[in-house]
Protein backbone atom coordinates (compact mmCIF):
# COMPACT_ATOMS: atom_id res chain seq x y z
CA MET A 1 -11.03 -73.16 104.42
CA TYR A 2 -12.72 -71.76 101.33
CA ASP A 3 -15.71 -70.21 103.08
CA SER A 4 -14.04 -67.44 105.07
CA ILE A 5 -11.45 -64.70 104.83
CA LYS A 6 -8.84 -64.36 107.54
CA SER A 7 -7.69 -60.91 108.59
CA ALA A 8 -4.15 -60.36 107.36
CA GLU A 9 -1.30 -58.74 109.23
CA ALA A 10 -0.76 -55.20 107.97
CA SER A 11 2.30 -54.11 109.93
CA THR A 12 5.14 -56.41 108.87
CA THR A 13 7.92 -53.95 108.03
CA ALA A 14 10.92 -54.08 105.69
CA PHE A 15 14.02 -52.05 106.58
CA ILE A 16 16.63 -51.16 103.95
CA GLY A 17 20.07 -49.87 104.91
CA MET A 18 23.55 -50.55 106.24
CA THR A 19 24.29 -52.73 109.26
CA GLN A 20 27.40 -53.48 111.31
CA ASN A 21 27.49 -57.18 110.42
CA GLY A 22 25.59 -59.69 108.31
CA GLU A 23 27.52 -59.76 105.03
CA SER A 24 26.10 -63.20 104.24
CA TYR A 25 22.60 -61.70 104.30
CA GLU A 26 23.37 -58.81 101.93
CA ASN A 27 20.43 -58.03 99.62
CA ARG A 28 18.46 -60.95 101.05
CA PRO A 29 15.32 -59.88 102.94
CA THR A 30 15.79 -61.62 106.29
CA LEU A 31 13.09 -61.96 108.93
CA VAL A 32 13.85 -61.01 112.53
CA ARG A 33 11.33 -61.06 115.38
CA GLY A 34 13.12 -59.07 118.06
CA TRP A 35 16.07 -56.84 118.90
CA ASP A 36 18.19 -59.70 120.27
CA GLU A 37 17.75 -61.66 117.05
CA PHE A 38 18.69 -58.61 114.98
CA VAL A 39 21.87 -58.11 117.02
CA VAL A 40 22.98 -61.73 116.53
CA MET A 41 22.59 -61.46 112.77
CA PHE A 42 23.34 -57.80 111.99
CA GLY A 43 25.11 -56.25 114.98
CA TYR A 44 24.74 -53.08 117.00
CA TYR A 45 24.78 -49.36 116.30
CA THR A 46 28.02 -48.02 114.84
CA GLU A 47 28.93 -44.60 113.51
CA ASP A 48 29.58 -46.23 110.12
CA ALA A 49 26.06 -47.70 110.05
CA PRO A 50 24.14 -45.26 112.25
CA PHE A 51 20.52 -45.56 111.14
CA MET A 52 19.40 -49.17 110.78
CA ALA A 53 20.14 -50.48 114.28
CA ALA A 54 18.58 -47.41 115.92
CA ALA A 55 15.44 -47.74 113.79
CA VAL A 56 15.07 -51.47 114.43
CA PHE A 57 15.60 -50.98 118.19
CA SER A 58 12.87 -48.32 118.31
CA PHE A 59 10.58 -50.48 116.13
CA PHE A 60 10.55 -53.35 118.60
CA LEU A 61 10.49 -51.01 121.61
CA ASN A 62 7.28 -49.39 120.30
CA GLY A 63 5.39 -52.58 119.53
CA GLY A 64 6.72 -53.99 116.26
CA GLU A 65 6.82 -57.77 115.96
CA LYS A 66 8.09 -58.75 112.50
CA ALA A 67 10.81 -57.03 110.47
CA TYR A 68 12.56 -57.99 107.26
CA ILE A 69 16.09 -56.60 107.06
CA VAL A 70 17.62 -55.79 103.68
CA LYS A 71 21.30 -55.13 104.33
CA VAL A 72 22.93 -53.12 101.54
CA LYS A 73 26.59 -52.42 100.85
CA ASP A 74 26.30 -48.68 101.46
CA ASP A 75 23.72 -45.90 101.62
CA THR A 76 24.25 -44.71 98.03
CA ASP A 77 21.22 -44.39 95.76
CA ALA A 78 22.45 -47.28 93.62
CA SER A 79 22.75 -49.71 96.55
CA VAL A 80 19.49 -48.73 98.22
CA ILE A 81 17.37 -48.69 95.04
CA GLY A 82 19.11 -51.82 93.74
CA VAL A 83 18.59 -53.72 90.51
CA ASP A 84 15.97 -56.15 89.28
CA ASN A 85 17.52 -59.13 87.52
CA GLY A 86 14.63 -61.45 88.27
CA ARG A 87 13.62 -63.54 91.26
CA GLY A 88 16.57 -64.37 93.47
CA GLU A 89 18.77 -61.88 91.62
CA ARG A 90 17.33 -58.64 92.94
CA SER A 91 19.01 -56.19 95.30
CA GLY A 92 18.13 -53.28 97.57
CA LEU A 93 14.55 -52.07 97.27
CA GLN A 94 13.99 -54.38 94.29
CA SER A 95 14.54 -57.44 96.50
CA LEU A 96 11.22 -56.64 98.17
CA LEU A 97 9.44 -57.58 94.94
CA ASP A 98 9.98 -61.17 96.11
CA LEU A 99 7.90 -60.57 99.27
CA ASP A 100 4.11 -60.38 99.48
CA THR A 101 4.07 -60.44 103.29
CA ILE A 102 5.22 -56.88 104.00
CA SER A 103 2.98 -53.83 104.30
CA ILE A 104 5.46 -51.11 105.31
CA ILE A 105 8.84 -50.09 103.87
CA LEU A 106 11.46 -48.00 105.68
CA VAL A 107 14.77 -46.53 104.51
CA PRO A 108 15.79 -45.14 107.93
CA GLY A 109 17.68 -41.87 107.81
CA ILE A 110 18.03 -41.97 104.00
CA THR A 111 16.50 -38.86 102.46
CA SER A 112 17.76 -38.89 98.87
CA PRO A 113 15.11 -37.66 96.38
CA ALA A 114 16.03 -40.51 94.04
CA VAL A 115 15.46 -43.12 96.74
CA MET A 116 12.21 -41.48 97.76
CA ALA A 117 10.91 -41.46 94.20
CA ALA A 118 11.87 -45.12 93.73
CA CYS A 119 10.09 -46.14 96.94
CA VAL A 120 6.92 -44.28 95.94
CA ARG A 121 6.91 -45.93 92.49
CA HIS A 122 7.45 -49.34 94.10
CA CYS A 123 4.50 -48.94 96.49
CA GLU A 124 2.16 -47.47 93.88
CA ARG A 125 2.97 -50.32 91.52
CA LEU A 126 2.28 -53.10 94.05
CA GLU A 127 -0.54 -51.33 95.97
CA ASP A 128 -0.07 -53.53 99.05
CA ARG A 129 2.46 -51.49 101.07
CA ILE A 130 3.31 -47.95 102.11
CA VAL A 131 6.65 -46.25 102.65
CA ILE A 132 7.46 -44.15 105.73
CA PHE A 133 10.09 -41.45 105.15
CA ASP A 134 12.21 -39.52 107.61
CA THR A 135 13.22 -35.93 107.05
CA PRO A 136 16.92 -34.94 107.08
CA GLU A 137 18.15 -34.72 110.68
CA ASN A 138 18.98 -31.01 110.65
CA MET A 139 16.18 -29.84 108.35
CA THR A 140 13.90 -27.89 110.67
CA SER A 141 12.70 -24.97 108.53
CA VAL A 142 9.03 -25.24 107.58
CA THR A 143 9.78 -23.92 104.08
CA GLU A 144 12.52 -26.51 103.56
CA LEU A 145 10.28 -29.29 104.82
CA ILE A 146 7.53 -28.36 102.39
CA ASP A 147 10.02 -28.40 99.51
CA TYR A 148 11.34 -31.75 100.74
CA SER A 149 7.85 -33.25 100.88
CA SER A 150 7.42 -32.66 97.15
CA HIS A 151 9.78 -35.59 96.52
CA ALA A 152 7.41 -37.95 98.35
CA VAL A 153 4.05 -37.06 96.83
CA SER A 154 1.93 -40.13 96.17
CA ASP A 155 -1.43 -39.30 94.60
CA LYS A 156 -2.80 -42.60 95.91
CA GLY A 157 -1.52 -42.12 99.45
CA PHE A 158 1.26 -44.70 99.57
CA ALA A 159 3.85 -42.39 101.18
CA VAL A 160 4.12 -40.91 104.68
CA ILE A 161 6.59 -38.43 106.25
CA TYR A 162 7.39 -37.82 109.91
CA THR A 163 9.49 -35.08 111.48
CA PRO A 164 11.62 -34.31 113.52
CA TRP A 165 14.30 -36.71 114.72
CA TYR A 166 14.23 -37.46 118.44
CA LYS A 167 16.81 -38.34 121.09
CA SER A 168 16.87 -41.94 122.27
CA VAL A 169 19.33 -44.54 123.50
CA VAL A 170 21.15 -46.95 121.20
CA GLU A 171 23.18 -50.02 122.07
CA TYR A 172 26.76 -50.36 120.85
CA ARG A 173 29.92 -52.33 121.59
CA ASP A 174 32.67 -50.28 123.21
CA VAL A 175 35.85 -51.63 121.62
CA SER A 176 37.94 -49.52 123.99
CA ASP A 177 36.41 -51.30 126.98
CA GLY A 178 36.59 -54.97 126.13
CA ASN A 179 33.69 -54.89 123.64
CA LYS A 180 31.18 -54.35 126.42
CA VAL A 181 27.65 -53.58 125.30
CA LYS A 182 26.79 -50.04 126.38
CA ARG A 183 24.10 -47.47 125.68
CA LYS A 184 24.36 -43.85 124.66
CA GLU A 185 21.94 -41.12 123.72
CA ILE A 186 21.78 -39.86 120.15
CA PHE A 187 19.19 -38.34 117.80
CA ILE A 188 17.57 -41.03 115.66
CA PRO A 189 15.15 -41.02 112.69
CA PRO A 190 11.53 -41.58 113.75
CA SER A 191 10.36 -44.02 111.05
CA GLY A 192 11.23 -47.17 113.01
CA ALA A 193 9.25 -46.10 116.07
CA LEU A 194 6.24 -45.15 113.92
CA ALA A 195 6.17 -48.54 112.20
CA GLY A 196 6.26 -50.14 115.63
CA LEU A 197 3.36 -47.99 116.78
CA TYR A 198 1.37 -48.98 113.68
CA ALA A 199 1.74 -52.62 114.76
CA LYS A 200 0.74 -51.82 118.34
CA VAL A 201 -2.39 -49.88 117.35
CA ASP A 202 -3.33 -52.56 114.79
CA ARG A 203 -3.37 -55.17 117.56
CA GLU A 204 -5.08 -53.07 120.21
CA LYS A 205 -7.61 -51.06 118.18
CA GLY A 206 -7.59 -52.11 114.52
CA VAL A 207 -5.95 -51.08 111.26
CA ASN A 208 -8.65 -48.48 110.65
CA LYS A 209 -7.62 -46.48 113.73
CA ALA A 210 -5.29 -43.50 113.35
CA VAL A 211 -1.87 -43.63 114.96
CA ALA A 212 -2.01 -40.19 116.55
CA ASN A 213 -2.00 -38.68 120.03
CA ILE A 214 0.14 -41.62 121.13
CA GLN A 215 3.44 -41.53 122.97
CA ILE A 216 6.72 -42.71 121.45
CA GLU A 217 8.49 -45.10 123.81
CA GLY A 218 12.14 -44.25 124.36
CA ALA A 219 11.84 -40.66 123.13
CA LEU A 220 13.77 -38.30 125.42
CA ALA A 221 13.85 -35.02 123.48
CA LEU A 222 13.06 -33.57 120.06
CA LYS A 223 15.43 -31.97 117.59
CA VAL A 224 12.84 -29.19 117.35
CA ASN A 225 9.36 -28.79 118.81
CA TYR A 226 6.95 -27.33 116.28
CA ASN A 227 4.12 -25.07 117.41
CA ASN A 228 0.48 -25.06 116.33
CA SER A 229 0.91 -22.54 113.52
CA GLU A 230 3.86 -24.47 112.05
CA GLN A 231 1.92 -27.71 112.26
CA ASP A 232 -1.01 -26.07 110.48
CA ILE A 233 1.30 -25.36 107.54
CA LEU A 234 3.04 -28.74 107.46
CA ASN A 235 0.04 -31.00 108.03
CA PRO A 236 -1.79 -30.29 104.74
CA LYS A 237 1.44 -31.16 102.90
CA GLY A 238 1.54 -34.57 104.55
CA VAL A 239 4.43 -33.75 106.88
CA ASN A 240 3.40 -35.28 110.21
CA CYS A 241 4.83 -33.66 113.29
CA ILE A 242 6.03 -35.34 116.45
CA ARG A 243 5.55 -32.90 119.30
CA MET A 244 6.32 -32.49 122.98
CA PHE A 245 3.55 -31.45 125.37
CA TRP A 246 3.79 -30.47 128.99
CA GLU A 247 7.58 -30.76 128.72
CA LYS A 248 7.44 -34.51 129.14
CA GLU A 249 5.16 -36.32 126.69
CA ILE A 250 6.47 -36.78 123.14
CA LEU A 251 3.48 -37.63 120.98
CA VAL A 252 2.73 -38.44 117.35
CA TRP A 253 0.62 -35.46 116.27
CA GLY A 254 -0.18 -36.07 112.61
CA ALA A 255 -1.82 -38.83 110.58
CA ARG A 256 -1.71 -37.87 106.89
CA THR A 257 -0.26 -39.31 103.73
CA THR A 258 1.24 -37.14 100.99
CA ALA A 259 -1.79 -37.84 98.76
CA THR A 260 -3.28 -35.11 96.62
CA ASN A 261 -6.47 -37.21 96.47
CA SER A 262 -8.62 -36.02 99.40
CA GLU A 263 -10.13 -39.49 99.91
CA LEU A 264 -6.68 -40.97 100.56
CA LYS A 265 -5.07 -38.21 102.61
CA TYR A 266 -5.33 -40.13 105.89
CA ILE A 267 -2.89 -42.92 106.72
CA SER A 268 -5.56 -45.03 108.41
CA ILE A 269 -7.69 -45.00 105.25
CA ARG A 270 -4.87 -46.06 102.96
CA ARG A 271 -3.69 -48.74 105.39
CA PHE A 272 -7.22 -50.08 105.88
CA LEU A 273 -7.67 -50.41 102.11
CA ILE A 274 -4.35 -52.29 101.94
CA PHE A 275 -5.53 -54.49 104.81
CA LEU A 276 -8.76 -55.31 102.95
CA LYS A 277 -6.90 -56.12 99.75
CA ILE A 278 -4.25 -58.38 101.25
CA SER A 279 -6.76 -60.13 103.53
CA ILE A 280 -9.00 -60.96 100.57
CA VAL A 281 -6.19 -61.89 98.17
CA GLN A 282 -4.32 -64.08 100.65
CA SER A 283 -7.49 -65.96 101.65
CA THR A 284 -8.75 -66.58 98.10
CA GLN A 285 -5.79 -68.29 96.47
CA TRP A 286 -8.13 -71.23 95.91
CA VAL A 287 -9.85 -69.25 93.14
CA GLY A 288 -7.04 -70.22 90.77
CA PHE A 289 -8.11 -73.88 90.94
CA GLU A 290 -11.80 -73.29 90.18
CA GLU A 291 -13.74 -73.05 86.93
CA ASN A 292 -14.58 -69.50 85.91
CA ARG A 293 -18.33 -69.97 86.21
CA GLN A 294 -21.35 -68.60 88.07
CA GLN A 295 -20.79 -70.99 90.98
CA LEU A 296 -17.35 -69.48 91.59
CA TRP A 297 -18.56 -65.88 91.32
CA THR A 298 -21.40 -66.50 93.77
CA LYS A 299 -19.09 -68.20 96.26
CA LEU A 300 -16.41 -65.52 95.99
CA LYS A 301 -18.96 -62.74 96.37
CA LYS A 302 -20.42 -64.39 99.48
CA VAL A 303 -17.13 -64.88 101.34
CA ILE A 304 -16.09 -61.28 100.65
CA GLU A 305 -19.48 -59.99 101.81
CA ASN A 306 -19.16 -62.01 105.03
CA PHE A 307 -15.71 -60.54 105.67
CA LEU A 308 -16.89 -56.98 105.03
CA GLU A 309 -19.93 -57.45 107.25
CA ASP A 310 -17.56 -58.49 110.04
CA GLN A 311 -15.56 -55.30 109.48
CA TRP A 312 -18.80 -53.30 109.60
CA ARG A 313 -19.76 -54.94 112.91
CA LYS A 314 -16.35 -53.94 114.28
CA GLY A 315 -17.09 -50.32 113.36
CA ALA A 316 -14.56 -50.03 110.54
CA LEU A 317 -17.20 -49.15 107.90
CA GLN A 318 -19.77 -46.36 107.94
CA GLY A 319 -23.50 -46.94 107.61
CA SER A 320 -26.39 -48.12 109.75
CA THR A 321 -26.75 -51.38 107.78
CA PRO A 322 -24.36 -53.56 105.75
CA ASN A 323 -26.09 -52.50 102.52
CA LYS A 324 -25.18 -48.89 103.24
CA SER A 325 -21.62 -49.82 104.17
CA PHE A 326 -20.34 -51.93 101.29
CA PHE A 327 -21.14 -53.77 98.06
CA VAL A 328 -19.49 -56.58 96.11
CA LYS A 329 -19.98 -57.13 92.39
CA CYS A 330 -18.69 -60.18 90.52
CA GLY A 331 -20.29 -61.64 87.42
CA TYR A 332 -20.86 -61.75 83.69
CA LEU A 333 -21.70 -58.34 82.21
CA GLU A 334 -21.48 -56.86 85.71
CA THR A 335 -17.67 -57.00 86.03
CA MET A 336 -16.57 -59.38 83.26
CA THR A 337 -17.01 -59.84 79.55
CA ALA A 338 -17.28 -63.18 77.75
CA GLU A 339 -13.66 -62.68 76.68
CA ASP A 340 -12.57 -62.18 80.30
CA ILE A 341 -14.28 -65.41 81.31
CA GLY A 342 -12.81 -67.33 78.40
CA ASN A 343 -9.34 -66.13 79.38
CA GLY A 344 -9.82 -67.18 83.01
CA ARG A 345 -9.98 -63.61 84.30
CA VAL A 346 -12.13 -63.13 87.42
CA VAL A 347 -12.90 -59.51 88.31
CA CYS A 348 -14.49 -58.17 91.48
CA LEU A 349 -15.49 -54.60 92.25
CA ILE A 350 -15.77 -53.84 95.96
CA GLY A 351 -17.15 -50.62 97.38
CA VAL A 352 -16.61 -49.66 101.03
CA SER A 353 -17.96 -46.66 102.93
CA LEU A 354 -15.05 -45.21 104.85
CA PHE A 355 -16.28 -41.65 105.45
CA LYS A 356 -20.04 -41.61 104.98
CA ALA A 357 -22.73 -44.23 104.39
CA GLU A 358 -23.35 -45.02 100.72
CA GLU A 359 -20.32 -43.01 99.58
CA PHE A 360 -18.06 -45.78 98.37
CA THR A 361 -14.33 -46.07 97.83
CA ILE A 362 -13.72 -48.70 95.15
CA LEU A 363 -11.33 -51.66 95.22
CA HIS A 364 -10.70 -53.50 91.95
CA LEU A 365 -9.46 -57.08 92.43
CA GLU A 366 -8.58 -59.72 89.87
CA TRP A 367 -7.78 -63.43 89.93
CA LYS A 368 -6.64 -65.85 87.25
CA THR A 369 -8.28 -69.26 86.74
CA ALA A 370 -7.83 -71.88 84.07
CA PRO A 371 -9.05 -70.70 80.65
CA ALA A 372 -12.73 -71.41 80.05
CA THR A 373 -15.18 -71.29 77.17
CA PRO A 374 -18.27 -69.63 78.63
CA LEU A 375 -21.65 -70.84 77.48
CA LEU A 376 -23.28 -67.44 77.62
CA SER A 377 -25.78 -65.92 75.26
């Protein structure tokens, strides 16, 4: 158990917003594993709660498997952002502080600058999840979209934007016809479908693969179809276009974060770094029960190296040999001081080549062990 690292799931998604039913679940992140389960607990699409059900339906339709639903009272900034009164007493976005199993956050259809800023801060603080934003339904001007994207800038690449909305079917109960379940076509926000596609590509190709040039299931039409010149303006700002080609295929045609840091401008890079972090952290909880000594550092270094070599063999890291693809440092004077060791602080520096061999992106990971008194000269 202690000699290997298991690849973590990187596509479990948390949805925040209003639902038709489910008052008993309000502000409690609740796991659902399919559309039918969501309907039983939270209901169908309604005009009073128009975004959540549509996003969850498209999530599962496009390949999503696990979703946590955070039902809020209304779509105001206060309800969606929530409050942090400690574990078990958090609401809205803050309730997700209690979860370390999610990697993606959605606030479907909610485009408030305050909510966007709060989501970016949340993800940058925890560094183990990204947020996918929608644009306002009727915002189609390139100039307006660029201005809008300024509210979602994340220097470290933890925020993503997709545009435009697309037409799809939603399920609802027709109260005028004996509460029969029916379907109708409406324009829906794209974030749910994209999170589902992330999960699908993760399973089929790997977290390091870009979710681009891939069809959105259930998409019937676009609110607007951007051309090449418009995409060339939006793409560098991290606004990813969904486009129609050949009058029939609606494809994801962008794969950038809103990062100003050029190393982190691609979604696949940021998500792969998150995947590495959560895989290593989740598989090394045993570190907390070990003495902070050379034996621990050697063991920890070895299991991380084995995991990274496996990623290299799968083609996720650049370089003709493992030595050119990654490094792991963990030890006295290398990553830790005598004071660190005495305080039970274990520090690892991990470098991975994501673009070019021997050009490393650095991960800084820490663990806490029992305090120790190092016998070091």
